[in-house]
Amino acid sequence: MLGRTEEAEAQARRAYATEQNRRWFRAHPNGADTVAAAAKAADTARERTAEYLLATRLEQLHEQTAAHAETGTAEAVRWRDRPRELAARPLDGDTAGAVIA
């Protein structure tokens, strides 16, 4: 999903245009080799941008978690208990009819 963000698409467009403007491709900007190289450059730029956005977001989450841990506001979640809690909740009439075993 991060590869489909506005930032990633903008980087992909820039990489595509840059590759098509290389000296050896200027004579045939719409040739198969040029288009393939430009598409590859765009995909690489899109992927790198997505990786950067992911790293940035993970860093933000890490900082938030550290801040919550320091202030003591983070609630400890016991993930092993969570499925039992969810399974114990009653289903309402609409939901119970939709469940097929």
PDB file of N, CA and C in Angstrom:
ATOM      1  N   MET A   1       0.817  -1.198   0.000  1.00  0.00           N
ATOM      2  CA  MET A   1       0.000   0.000   0.000  1.00  0.00           C
ATOM      3  C   MET A   1       0.861   1.262   0.000  1.00  0.00           C
ATOM      4  N   LEU A   2       2.005   1.173   0.671  1.00  0.00           N
ATOM      5  CA  LEU A   2       2.877   2.349   0.701  1.00  0.00           C
ATOM      6  C   LEU A   2       3.444   2.653  -0.679  1.00  0.00           C
ATOM      7  N   GLY A   3       3.519   1.649  -1.529  1.00  0.00           N
ATOM      8  CA  GLY A   3       3.987   1.856  -2.888  1.00  0.00           C
ATOM      9  C   GLY A   3       2.979   2.592  -3.754  1.00  0.00           C
ATOM     10  N   ARG A   4       1.748   2.722  -3.265  1.00  0.00           N
ATOM     11  CA  ARG A   4       0.705   3.423  -4.019  1.00  0.00           C
ATOM     12  C   ARG A   4       0.423   4.815  -3.469  1.00  0.00           C
ATOM     13  N   THR A   5       1.258   5.279  -2.537  1.00  0.00           N
ATOM     14  CA  THR A   5       1.053   6.610  -1.976  1.00  0.00           C
ATOM     15  C   THR A   5       1.454   7.673  -2.994  1.00  0.00           C
ATOM     16  N   GLU A   6       1.040   8.873  -2.735  1.00  0.00           N
ATOM     17  CA  GLU A   6       1.363   9.993  -3.631  1.00  0.00           C
ATOM     18  C   GLU A   6       2.871  10.200  -3.743  1.00  0.00           C
ATOM     19  N   GLU A   7       3.568  10.061  -2.603  1.00  0.00           N
ATOM     20  CA  GLU A   7       5.014  10.240  -2.600  1.00  0.00           C
ATOM     21  C   GLU A   7       5.706   9.190  -3.471  1.00  0.00           C
ATOM     22  N   ALA A   8       5.280   7.939  -3.339  1.00  0.00           N
ATOM     23  CA  ALA A   8       5.894   6.858  -4.115  1.00  0.00           C
ATOM     24  C   ALA A   8       5.613   7.026  -5.601  1.00  0.00           C
ATOM     25  N   GLU A   9       4.403   7.410  -5.944  1.00  0.00           N
ATOM     26  CA  GLU A   9       4.060   7.615  -7.353  1.00  0.00           C
ATOM     27  C   GLU A   9       4.839   8.781  -7.946  1.00  0.00           C
ATOM     28  N   ALA A  10       5.030   9.847  -7.167  1.00  0.00           N
ATOM     29  CA  ALA A  10       5.798  10.999  -7.652  1.00  0.00           C
ATOM     30  C   ALA A  10       7.249  10.594  -7.907  1.00  0.00           C
ATOM     31  N   GLN A  11       7.822   9.815  -7.002  1.00  0.00           N
ATOM     32  CA  GLN A  11       9.194   9.344  -7.206  1.00  0.00           C
ATOM     33  C   GLN A  11       9.281   8.443  -8.433  1.00  0.00           C
ATOM     34  N   ALA A  12       8.294   7.607  -8.624  1.00  0.00           N
ATOM     35  CA  ALA A  12       8.279   6.708  -9.785  1.00  0.00           C
ATOM     36  C   ALA A  12       8.214   7.511 -11.083  1.00  0.00           C
ATOM     37  N   ARG A  13       7.377   8.547 -11.114  1.00  0.00           N
ATOM     38  CA  ARG A  13       7.280   9.383 -12.316  1.00  0.00           C
ATOM     39  C   ARG A  13       8.603  10.087 -12.616  1.00  0.00           C
ATOM     40  N   ARG A  14       9.257  10.589 -11.549  1.00  0.00           N
ATOM     41  CA  ARG A  14      10.548  11.261 -11.748  1.00  0.00           C
ATOM     42  C   ARG A  14      11.599  10.288 -12.268  1.00  0.00           C
ATOM     43  N   ALA A  15      11.642   9.099 -11.708  1.00  0.00           N
ATOM     44  CA  ALA A  15      12.627   8.102 -12.142  1.00  0.00           C
ATOM     45  C   ALA A  15      12.370   7.688 -13.585  1.00  0.00           C
ATOM     46  N   TYR A  16      11.108   7.536 -13.951  1.00  0.00           N
ATOM     47  CA  TYR A  16      10.742   7.166 -15.320  1.00  0.00           C
ATOM     48  C   TYR A  16      11.218   8.233 -16.299  1.00  0.00           C
ATOM     49  N   ALA A  17      10.914   9.481 -15.990  1.00  0.00           N
ATOM     50  CA  ALA A  17      11.302  10.591 -16.869  1.00  0.00           C
ATOM     51  C   ALA A  17      12.825  10.722 -16.946  1.00  0.00           C
ATOM     52  N   THR A  18      13.494  10.557 -15.835  1.00  0.00           N
ATOM     53  CA  THR A  18      14.953  10.648 -15.817  1.00  0.00           C
ATOM     54  C   THR A  18      15.570   9.575 -16.698  1.00  0.00           C
ATOM     55  N   GLU A  19      15.062   8.365 -16.589  1.00  0.00           N
ATOM     56  CA  GLU A  19      15.606   7.268 -17.385  1.00  0.00           C
ATOM     57  C   GLU A  19      15.376   7.505 -18.875  1.00  0.00           C
ATOM     58  N   GLN A  20      14.219   8.032 -19.235  1.00  0.00           N
ATOM     59  CA  GLN A  20      13.950   8.300 -20.646  1.00  0.00           C
ATOM     60  C   GLN A  20      14.800   9.439 -21.190  1.00  0.00           C
ATOM     61  N   ASN A  21      15.277  10.304 -20.328  1.00  0.00           N
ATOM     62  CA  ASN A  21      16.101  11.431 -20.770  1.00  0.00           C
ATOM     63  C   ASN A  21      17.589  11.118 -20.801  1.00  0.00           C
ATOM     64  N   ARG A  22      17.966   9.912 -20.518  1.00  0.00           N
ATOM     65  CA  ARG A  22      19.385   9.555 -20.593  1.00  0.00           C
ATOM     66  C   ARG A  22      19.858   9.672 -22.040  1.00  0.00           C
ATOM     67  N   ARG A  23      21.093  10.050 -22.185  1.00  0.00           N
ATOM     68  CA  ARG A  23      21.664  10.328 -23.508  1.00  0.00           C
ATOM     69  C   ARG A  23      21.425   9.191 -24.506  1.00  0.00           C
ATOM     70  N   TRP A  24      21.680   7.950 -24.080  1.00  0.00           N
ATOM     71  CA  TRP A  24      21.588   6.844 -25.034  1.00  0.00           C
ATOM     72  C   TRP A  24      20.156   6.464 -25.389  1.00  0.00           C
ATOM     73  N   PHE A  25      19.172   7.005 -24.653  1.00  0.00           N
ATOM     74  CA  PHE A  25      17.779   6.703 -24.974  1.00  0.00           C
ATOM     75  C   PHE A  25      17.050   7.861 -25.650  1.00  0.00           C
ATOM     76  N   ARG A  26      17.670   9.024 -25.724  1.00  0.00           N
ATOM     77  CA  ARG A  26      16.991  10.192 -26.294  1.00  0.00           C
ATOM     78  C   ARG A  26      16.579   9.990 -27.743  1.00  0.00           C
ATOM     79  N   ALA A  27      17.365   9.237 -28.493  1.00  0.00           N
ATOM     80  CA  ALA A  27      17.046   9.018 -29.910  1.00  0.00           C
ATOM     81  C   ALA A  27      15.775   8.191 -30.076  1.00  0.00           C
ATOM     82  N   HIS A  28      15.488   7.301 -29.127  1.00  0.00           N
ATOM     83  CA  HIS A  28      14.306   6.442 -29.203  1.00  0.00           C
ATOM     84  C   HIS A  28      13.573   6.435 -27.861  1.00  0.00           C
ATOM     85  N   PRO A  29      12.964   7.554 -27.482  1.00  0.00           N
ATOM     86  CA  PRO A  29      12.332   7.639 -26.155  1.00  0.00           C
ATOM     87  C   PRO A  29      11.164   6.664 -25.957  1.00  0.00           C
ATOM     88  N   ASN A  30      10.582   6.171 -27.055  1.00  0.00           N
ATOM     89  CA  ASN A  30       9.460   5.237 -26.932  1.00  0.00           C
ATOM     90  C   ASN A  30       9.830   3.820 -27.365  1.00  0.00           C
ATOM     91  N   GLY A  31      11.134   3.570 -27.539  1.00  0.00           N
ATOM     92  CA  GLY A  31      11.584   2.234 -27.923  1.00  0.00           C
ATOM     93  C   GLY A  31      11.378   1.248 -26.783  1.00  0.00           C
ATOM     94  N   ALA A  32      11.358  -0.024 -27.124  1.00  0.00           N
ATOM     95  CA  ALA A  32      11.105  -1.072 -26.131  1.00  0.00           C
ATOM     96  C   ALA A  32      12.148  -1.064 -25.021  1.00  0.00           C
ATOM     97  N   ASP A  33      13.417  -0.905 -25.381  1.00  0.00           N
ATOM     98  CA  ASP A  33      14.471  -0.889 -24.373  1.00  0.00           C
ATOM     99  C   ASP A  33      14.330   0.305 -23.434  1.00  0.00           C
ATOM    100  N   THR A  34      14.002   1.445 -24.017  1.00  0.00           N
ATOM    101  CA  THR A  34      13.843   2.661 -23.224  1.00  0.00           C
ATOM    102  C   THR A  34      12.677   2.528 -22.259  1.00  0.00           C
ATOM    103  N   VAL A  35      11.556   2.057 -22.754  1.00  0.00           N
ATOM    104  CA  VAL A  35      10.364   1.902 -21.916  1.00  0.00           C
ATOM    105  C   VAL A  35      10.620   0.883 -20.811  1.00  0.00           C
ATOM    106  N   ALA A  36      11.286  -0.226 -21.155  1.00  0.00           N
ATOM    107  CA  ALA A  36      11.575  -1.253 -20.149  1.00  0.00           C
ATOM    108  C   ALA A  36      12.510  -0.712 -19.064  1.00  0.00           C
ATOM    109  N   ALA A  37      13.545   0.010 -19.468  1.00  0.00           N
ATOM    110  CA  ALA A  37      14.485   0.579 -18.494  1.00  0.00           C
ATOM    111  C   ALA A  37      13.796   1.625 -17.625  1.00  0.00           C
ATOM    112  N   ALA A  38      12.959   2.441 -18.238  1.00  0.00           N
ATOM    113  CA  ALA A  38      12.246   3.472 -17.485  1.00  0.00           C
ATOM    114  C   ALA A  38      11.250   2.841 -16.510  1.00  0.00           C
ATOM    115  N   ALA A  39      10.564   1.791 -16.945  1.00  0.00           N
ATOM    116  CA  ALA A  39       9.616   1.109 -16.063  1.00  0.00           C
ATOM    117  C   ALA A  39      10.338   0.460 -14.889  1.00  0.00           C
ATOM    118  N   LYS A  40      11.492  -0.124 -15.149  1.00  0.00           N
ATOM    119  CA  LYS A  40      12.269  -0.740 -14.080  1.00  0.00           C
ATOM    120  C   LYS A  40      12.741   0.317 -13.078  1.00  0.00           C
ATOM    121  N   ALA A  41      13.195   1.456 -13.588  1.00  0.00           N
ATOM    122  CA  ALA A  41      13.636   2.545 -12.713  1.00  0.00           C
ATOM    123  C   ALA A  41      12.472   3.063 -11.871  1.00  0.00           C
ATOM    124  N   ALA A  42      11.296   3.164 -12.483  1.00  0.00           N
ATOM    125  CA  ALA A  42      10.112   3.632 -11.753  1.00  0.00           C
ATOM    126  C   ALA A  42       9.732   2.644 -10.653  1.00  0.00           C
ATOM    127  N   ASP A  43       9.755   1.353 -10.959  1.00  0.00           N
ATOM    128  CA  ASP A  43       9.430   0.340  -9.958  1.00  0.00           C
ATOM    129  C   ASP A  43      10.416   0.368  -8.799  1.00  0.00           C
ATOM    130  N   THR A  44      11.697   0.524  -9.122  1.00  0.00           N
ATOM    131  CA  THR A  44      12.724   0.586  -8.085  1.00  0.00           C
ATOM    132  C   THR A  44      12.521   1.810  -7.199  1.00  0.00           C
ATOM    133  N   ALA A  45      12.232   2.951  -7.800  1.00  0.00           N
ATOM    134  CA  ALA A  45      12.006   4.178  -7.033  1.00  0.00           C
ATOM    135  C   ALA A  45      10.771   4.043  -6.152  1.00  0.00           C
ATOM    136  N   ARG A  46       9.724   3.457  -6.697  1.00  0.00           N
ATOM    137  CA  ARG A  46       8.487   3.249  -5.938  1.00  0.00           C
ATOM    138  C   ARG A  46       8.750   2.345  -4.724  1.00  0.00           C
ATOM    139  N   GLU A  47       9.507   1.277  -4.940  1.00  0.00           N
ATOM    140  CA  GLU A  47       9.815   0.335  -3.863  1.00  0.00           C
ATOM    141  C   GLU A  47      10.679   0.988  -2.782  1.00  0.00           C
ATOM    142  N   ARG A  48      11.683   1.736  -3.207  1.00  0.00           N
ATOM    143  CA  ARG A  48      12.547   2.410  -2.231  1.00  0.00           C
ATOM    144  C   ARG A  48      11.782   3.445  -1.428  1.00  0.00           C
ATOM    145  N   THR A  49      10.880   4.153  -2.074  1.00  0.00           N
ATOM    146  CA  THR A  49      10.075   5.142  -1.365  1.00  0.00           C
ATOM    147  C   THR A  49       9.167   4.453  -0.362  1.00  0.00           C
ATOM    148  N   ALA A  50       8.559   3.345  -0.750  1.00  0.00           N
ATOM    149  CA  ALA A  50       7.701   2.585   0.163  1.00  0.00           C
ATOM    150  C   ALA A  50       8.511   2.086   1.362  1.00  0.00           C
ATOM    151  N   GLU A  51       9.730   1.607   1.121  1.00  0.00           N
ATOM    152  CA  GLU A  51      10.589   1.149   2.215  1.00  0.00           C
ATOM    153  C   GLU A  51      10.935   2.301   3.150  1.00  0.00           C
ATOM    154  N   TYR A  52      11.208   3.463   2.582  1.00  0.00           N
ATOM    155  CA  TYR A  52      11.509   4.637   3.398  1.00  0.00           C
ATOM    156  C   TYR A  52      10.296   5.033   4.241  1.00  0.00           C
ATOM    157  N   LEU A  53       9.121   5.048   3.620  1.00  0.00           N
ATOM    158  CA  LEU A  53       7.908   5.405   4.355  1.00  0.00           C
ATOM    159  C   LEU A  53       7.629   4.405   5.474  1.00  0.00           C
ATOM    160  N   LEU A  54       7.866   3.130   5.206  1.00  0.00           N
ATOM    161  CA  LEU A  54       7.671   2.110   6.235  1.00  0.00           C
ATOM    162  C   LEU A  54       8.651   2.312   7.380  1.00  0.00           C
ATOM    163  N   ALA A  55       9.913   2.548   7.065  1.00  0.00           N
ATOM    164  CA  ALA A  55      10.919   2.768   8.106  1.00  0.00           C
ATOM    165  C   ALA A  55      10.580   3.992   8.949  1.00  0.00           C
ATOM    166  N   THR A  56      10.111   5.038   8.289  1.00  0.00           N
ATOM    167  CA  THR A  56       9.726   6.254   9.004  1.00  0.00           C
ATOM    168  C   THR A  56       8.560   5.986   9.944  1.00  0.00           C
ATOM    169  N   ARG A  57       7.558   5.273   9.442  1.00  0.00           N
ATOM    170  CA  ARG A  57       6.384   4.964  10.266  1.00  0.00           C
ATOM    171  C   ARG A  57       6.742   4.059  11.435  1.00  0.00           C
ATOM    172  N   LEU A  58       7.584   3.071  11.192  1.00  0.00           N
ATOM    173  CA  LEU A  58       8.009   2.189  12.281  1.00  0.00           C
ATOM    174  C   LEU A  58       8.780   2.957  13.348  1.00  0.00           C
ATOM    175  N   GLU A  59       9.604   3.897  12.923  1.00  0.00           N
ATOM    176  CA  GLU A  59      10.336   4.727  13.873  1.00  0.00           C
ATOM    177  C   GLU A  59       9.368   5.564  14.708  1.00  0.00           C
ATOM    178  N   GLN A  60       8.353   6.128  14.062  1.00  0.00           N
ATOM    179  CA  GLN A  60       7.346   6.901  14.797  1.00  0.00           C
ATOM    180  C   GLN A  60       6.636   6.029  15.826  1.00  0.00           C
ATOM    181  N   LEU A  61       6.259   4.821  15.423  1.00  0.00           N
ATOM    182  CA  LEU A  61       5.584   3.914  16.344  1.00  0.00           C
ATOM    183  C   LEU A  61       6.504   3.519  17.498  1.00  0.00           C
ATOM    184  N   HIS A  62       7.777   3.291  17.188  1.00  0.00           N
ATOM    185  CA  HIS A  62       8.744   2.954  18.224  1.00  0.00           C
ATOM    186  C   HIS A  62       8.865   4.097  19.233  1.00  0.00           C
ATOM    187  N   GLU A  63       8.933   5.325  18.731  1.00  0.00           N
ATOM    188  CA  GLU A  63       9.027   6.480  19.616  1.00  0.00           C
ATOM    189  C   GLU A  63       7.770   6.628  20.470  1.00  0.00           C
ATOM    190  N   GLN A  64       6.602   6.399  19.877  1.00  0.00           N
ATOM    191  CA  GLN A  64       5.349   6.467  20.632  1.00  0.00           C
ATOM    192  C   GLN A  64       5.322   5.410  21.728  1.00  0.00           C
ATOM    193  N   THR A  65       5.736   4.207  21.384  1.00  0.00           N
ATOM    194  CA  THR A  65       5.745   3.120  22.358  1.00  0.00           C
ATOM    195  C   THR A  65       6.700   3.438  23.494  1.00  0.00           C
ATOM    196  N   ALA A  66       7.867   3.954  23.148  1.00  0.00           N
ATOM    197  CA  ALA A  66       8.845   4.311  24.180  1.00  0.00           C
ATOM    198  C   ALA A  66       8.309   5.417  25.072  1.00  0.00           C
ATOM    199  N   ALA A  67       7.631   6.392  24.483  1.00  0.00           N
ATOM    200  CA  ALA A  67       7.071   7.501  25.261  1.00  0.00           C
ATOM    201  C   ALA A  67       5.978   6.995  26.196  1.00  0.00           C
ATOM    202  N   HIS A  68       5.138   6.098  25.714  1.00  0.00           N
ATOM    203  CA  HIS A  68       4.073   5.541  26.557  1.00  0.00           C
ATOM    204  C   HIS A  68       4.664   4.690  27.678  1.00  0.00           C
ATOM    205  N   ALA A  69       5.699   3.956  27.384  1.00  0.00           N
ATOM    206  CA  ALA A  69       6.324   3.107  28.394  1.00  0.00           C
ATOM    207  C   ALA A  69       6.967   3.959  29.490  1.00  0.00           C
ATOM    208  N   GLU A  70       7.559   5.087  29.097  1.00  0.00           N
ATOM    209  CA  GLU A  70       8.191   5.971  30.075  1.00  0.00           C
ATOM    210  C   GLU A  70       7.168   6.615  30.994  1.00  0.00           C
ATOM    211  N   THR A  71       6.013   6.982  30.457  1.00  0.00           N
ATOM    212  CA  THR A  71       4.993   7.647  31.266  1.00  0.00           C
ATOM    213  C   THR A  71       4.079   6.660  31.971  1.00  0.00           C
ATOM    214  N   GLY A  72       4.175   5.399  31.599  1.00  0.00           N
ATOM    215  CA  GLY A  72       3.353   4.386  32.251  1.00  0.00           C
ATOM    216  C   GLY A  72       1.930   4.331  31.730  1.00  0.00           C
ATOM    217  N   THR A  73       1.660   4.940  30.584  1.00  0.00           N
ATOM    218  CA  THR A  73       0.296   4.945  30.057  1.00  0.00           C
ATOM    219  C   THR A  73       0.006   3.769  29.142  1.00  0.00           C
ATOM    220  N   ALA A  74       1.038   3.035  28.800  1.00  0.00           N
ATOM    221  CA  ALA A  74       0.817   1.889  27.914  1.00  0.00           C
ATOM    222  C   ALA A  74       0.185   0.752  28.704  1.00  0.00           C
ATOM    223  N   GLU A  75      -0.875   0.205  28.157  1.00  0.00           N
ATOM    224  CA  GLU A  75      -1.530  -0.925  28.799  1.00  0.00           C
ATOM    225  C   GLU A  75      -0.884  -2.206  28.305  1.00  0.00           C
ATOM    226  N   ALA A  76      -0.593  -3.075  29.235  1.00  0.00           N
ATOM    227  CA  ALA A  76      -0.039  -4.363  28.842  1.00  0.00           C
ATOM    228  C   ALA A  76      -1.151  -5.208  28.251  1.00  0.00           C
ATOM    229  N   VAL A  77      -0.928  -5.703  27.067  1.00  0.00           N
ATOM    230  CA  VAL A  77      -1.918  -6.524  26.397  1.00  0.00           C
ATOM    231  C   VAL A  77      -1.449  -7.971  26.459  1.00  0.00           C
ATOM    232  N   ARG A  78      -2.268  -8.806  27.006  1.00  0.00           N
ATOM    233  CA  ARG A  78      -1.949 -10.221  27.048  1.00  0.00           C
ATOM    234  C   ARG A  78      -2.620 -10.857  25.850  1.00  0.00           C
ATOM    235  N   TRP A  79      -1.844 -11.039  24.788  1.00  0.00           N
ATOM    236  CA  TRP A  79      -2.401 -11.506  23.533  1.00  0.00           C
ATOM    237  C   TRP A  79      -2.899 -12.942  23.614  1.00  0.00           C
ATOM    238  N   ARG A  80      -2.364 -13.739  24.509  1.00  0.00           N
ATOM    239  CA  ARG A  80      -2.866 -15.099  24.635  1.00  0.00           C
ATOM    240  C   ARG A  80      -4.280 -15.125  25.195  1.00  0.00           C
ATOM    241  N   ASP A  81      -4.611 -14.139  26.027  1.00  0.00           N
ATOM    242  CA  ASP A  81      -5.952 -14.070  26.612  1.00  0.00           C
ATOM    243  C   ASP A  81      -6.967 -13.459  25.653  1.00  0.00           C
ATOM    244  N   ARG A  82      -6.500 -12.724  24.699  1.00  0.00           N
ATOM    245  CA  ARG A  82      -7.391 -11.994  23.792  1.00  0.00           C
ATOM    246  C   ARG A  82      -8.347 -12.906  23.016  1.00  0.00           C
ATOM    247  N   PRO A  83      -7.898 -14.007  22.403  1.00  0.00           N
ATOM    248  CA  PRO A  83      -8.852 -14.856  21.684  1.00  0.00           C
ATOM    249  C   PRO A  83      -9.940 -15.438  22.588  1.00  0.00           C
ATOM    250  N   ARG A  84      -9.569 -15.783  23.829  1.00  0.00           N
ATOM    251  CA  ARG A  84     -10.579 -16.305  24.759  1.00  0.00           C
ATOM    252  C   ARG A  84     -11.614 -15.245  25.078  1.00  0.00           C
ATOM    253  N   GLU A  85     -11.156 -13.999  25.263  1.00  0.00           N
ATOM    254  CA  GLU A  85     -12.091 -12.909  25.557  1.00  0.00           C
ATOM    255  C   GLU A  85     -13.051 -12.686  24.384  1.00  0.00           C
ATOM    256  N   LEU A  86     -12.514 -12.705  23.189  1.00  0.00           N
ATOM    257  CA  LEU A  86     -13.351 -12.494  22.005  1.00  0.00           C
ATOM    258  C   LEU A  86     -14.318 -13.658  21.803  1.00  0.00           C
ATOM    259  N   ALA A  87     -13.858 -14.872  22.060  1.00  0.00           N
ATOM    260  CA  ALA A  87     -14.713 -16.046  21.887  1.00  0.00           C
ATOM    261  C   ALA A  87     -15.832 -16.067  22.912  1.00  0.00           C
ATOM    262  N   ALA A  88     -15.606 -15.484  24.071  1.00  0.00           N
ATOM    263  CA  ALA A  88     -16.614 -15.496  25.128  1.00  0.00           C
ATOM    264  C   ALA A  88     -17.715 -14.455  24.899  1.00  0.00           C
ATOM    265  N   ARG A  89     -17.464 -13.497  24.030  1.00  0.00           N
ATOM    266  CA  ARG A  89     -18.480 -12.464  23.789  1.00  0.00           C
ATOM    267  C   ARG A  89     -19.669 -13.052  23.046  1.00  0.00           C
ATOM    268  N   PRO A  90     -20.879 -12.698  23.444  1.00  0.00           N
ATOM    269  CA  PRO A  90     -22.055 -13.223  22.742  1.00  0.00           C
ATOM    270  C   PRO A  90     -22.224 -12.535  21.392  1.00  0.00           C
ATOM    271  N   LEU A  91     -22.725 -13.282  20.442  1.00  0.00           N
ATOM    272  CA  LEU A  91     -23.012 -12.724  19.129  1.00  0.00           C
ATOM    273  C   LEU A  91     -24.422 -12.173  19.143  1.00  0.00           C
ATOM    274  N   ASP A  92     -24.634 -11.044  18.453  1.00  0.00           N
ATOM    275  CA  ASP A  92     -25.999 -10.559  18.358  1.00  0.00           C
ATOM    276  C   ASP A  92     -26.751 -11.370  17.298  1.00  0.00           C
ATOM    277  N   GLY A  93     -28.022 -11.189  17.191  1.00  0.00           N
ATOM    278  CA  GLY A  93     -28.860 -11.988  16.295  1.00  0.00           C
ATOM    279  C   GLY A  93     -28.429 -11.921  14.845  1.00  0.00           C
ATOM    280  N   ASP A  94     -28.075 -10.733  14.338  1.00  0.00           N
ATOM    281  CA  ASP A  94     -27.682 -10.592  12.945  1.00  0.00           C
ATOM    282  C   ASP A  94     -26.376 -11.312  12.654  1.00  0.00           C
ATOM    283  N   THR A  95     -25.444 -11.176  13.548  1.00  0.00           N
ATOM    284  CA  THR A  95     -24.135 -11.784  13.331  1.00  0.00           C
ATOM    285  C   THR A  95     -24.202 -13.298  13.460  1.00  0.00           C
ATOM    286  N   ALA A  96     -25.004 -13.780  14.421  1.00  0.00           N
ATOM    287  CA  ALA A  96     -25.084 -15.226  14.634  1.00  0.00           C
ATOM    288  C   ALA A  96     -25.636 -15.925  13.398  1.00  0.00           C
ATOM    289  N   GLY A  97     -26.559 -15.304  12.680  1.00  0.00           N
ATOM    290  CA  GLY A  97     -27.111 -15.919  11.477  1.00  0.00           C
ATOM    291  C   GLY A  97     -26.136 -15.934  10.326  1.00  0.00           C
ATOM    292  N   ALA A  98     -25.164 -15.033  10.338  1.00  0.00           N
ATOM    293  CA  ALA A  98     -24.206 -14.929   9.236  1.00  0.00           C
ATOM    294  C   ALA A  98     -23.055 -15.922   9.379  1.00  0.00           C
ATOM    295  N   VAL A  99     -22.868 -16.471  10.563  1.00  0.00           N
ATOM    296  CA  VAL A  99     -21.761 -17.391  10.799  1.00  0.00           C
ATOM    297  C   VAL A  99     -22.152 -18.776  10.280  1.00  0.00           C
ATOM    298  N   ILE A 100     -21.310 -19.331   9.420  1.00  0.00           N
ATOM    299  CA  ILE A 100     -21.542 -20.654   8.874  1.00  0.00           C
ATOM    300  C   ILE A 100     -20.390 -21.539   9.284  1.00  0.00           C
ATOM    301  N   ALA A 101     -20.689 -22.641   9.921  1.00  0.00           N
ATOM    302  CA  ALA A 101     -19.612 -23.524  10.377  1.00  0.00           C
ATOM    303  C   ALA A 101     -19.300 -24.574   9.344  1.00  0.00           C
TER     304      ALA A 101
END
